[in-house]
């Protein structure tokens, strides 16, 4: 993997983790959104998985482009 692909993969993994935390733990959200309760574990997992798959497709598309 080249440096740009590695950076895209790292950013995608971090975005996936942040998505899971924001969905699962309401205290990490901004104050106006904290009143909504936490999402279920399954919904949080699939939300994070969706972001991770989009990131993986982006890295793959970038690799194919070169």
Protein backbone atom coordinates (compact mmCIF):
# COMPACT_ATOMS: atom_id res chain seq x y z
CA UNK A 1 0.00 0.00 0.00
CA UNK A 2 1.16 3.45 -0.74
CA UNK A 3 1.12 6.23 1.81
CA UNK A 4 -2.09 7.77 0.49
CA UNK A 5 -3.94 4.45 0.63
CA UNK A 6 -2.68 3.85 4.17
CA UNK A 7 -3.84 7.30 5.22
CA UNK A 8 -7.30 6.73 3.68
CA UNK A 9 -7.61 3.39 5.47
CA UNK A 10 -6.53 4.91 8.80
CA UNK A 11 -8.98 7.80 8.48
CA UNK A 12 -11.77 5.35 7.60
CA UNK A 13 -11.03 3.16 10.61
CA UNK A 14 -11.01 6.19 12.90
CA UNK A 15 -14.25 7.49 11.40
CA UNK A 16 -15.83 4.09 11.95
CA UNK A 17 -14.76 4.07 15.60
CA UNK A 18 -16.04 7.62 16.14
CA UNK A 19 -19.35 6.69 14.51
CA UNK A 20 -19.75 3.75 16.89
CA UNK A 21 -18.94 5.89 19.93
CA UNK A 22 -21.29 8.69 18.93
CA UNK A 23 -24.13 6.28 18.30
CA UNK A 24 -23.61 4.18 21.42
CA UNK A 25 -22.59 6.76 24.05
CA UNK A 26 -24.81 9.87 24.15
CA UNK A 27 -22.49 11.72 26.54
CA UNK A 28 -19.94 12.03 23.70
CA UNK A 29 -22.40 13.95 21.51
CA UNK A 30 -22.94 17.70 21.43
CA UNK A 31 -25.27 18.95 24.16
CA UNK A 32 -28.25 19.47 21.85
CA UNK A 33 -28.15 15.81 20.80
CA UNK A 34 -27.47 14.28 24.21
CA UNK A 35 -31.16 14.14 25.04
CA UNK A 36 -31.60 11.29 22.57
CA UNK A 37 -30.76 7.95 24.08
CA UNK A 38 -28.09 5.53 22.93
CA UNK A 39 -28.63 3.40 19.88
CA UNK A 40 -28.68 -0.35 20.32
CA UNK A 41 -25.43 -2.25 20.12
CA UNK A 42 -26.50 -3.85 16.83
CA UNK A 43 -27.44 -0.53 15.24
CA UNK A 44 -24.18 1.06 16.41
CA UNK A 45 -22.19 -1.87 15.04
CA UNK A 46 -23.89 -1.76 11.64
CA UNK A 47 -23.49 2.02 11.43
CA UNK A 48 -19.77 1.69 12.09
CA UNK A 49 -19.53 -1.24 9.67
CA UNK A 50 -21.19 0.83 6.95
CA UNK A 51 -18.64 3.61 7.39
CA UNK A 52 -15.81 1.06 7.36
CA UNK A 53 -17.09 -0.56 4.14
CA UNK A 54 -17.41 2.82 2.43
CA UNK A 55 -13.85 3.58 3.49
CA UNK A 56 -12.61 0.23 2.18
CA UNK A 57 -14.32 0.82 -1.16
CA UNK A 58 -12.70 4.25 -1.34
CA UNK A 59 -9.25 2.75 -0.73
CA UNK A 60 -9.94 0.07 -3.35
CA UNK A 61 -11.16 2.64 -5.89
CA UNK A 62 -8.08 4.75 -5.28
CA UNK A 63 -5.85 1.68 -5.78
CA UNK A 64 -7.60 0.78 -9.03
CA UNK A 65 -7.33 4.36 -10.25
CA UNK A 66 -3.54 4.15 -10.08
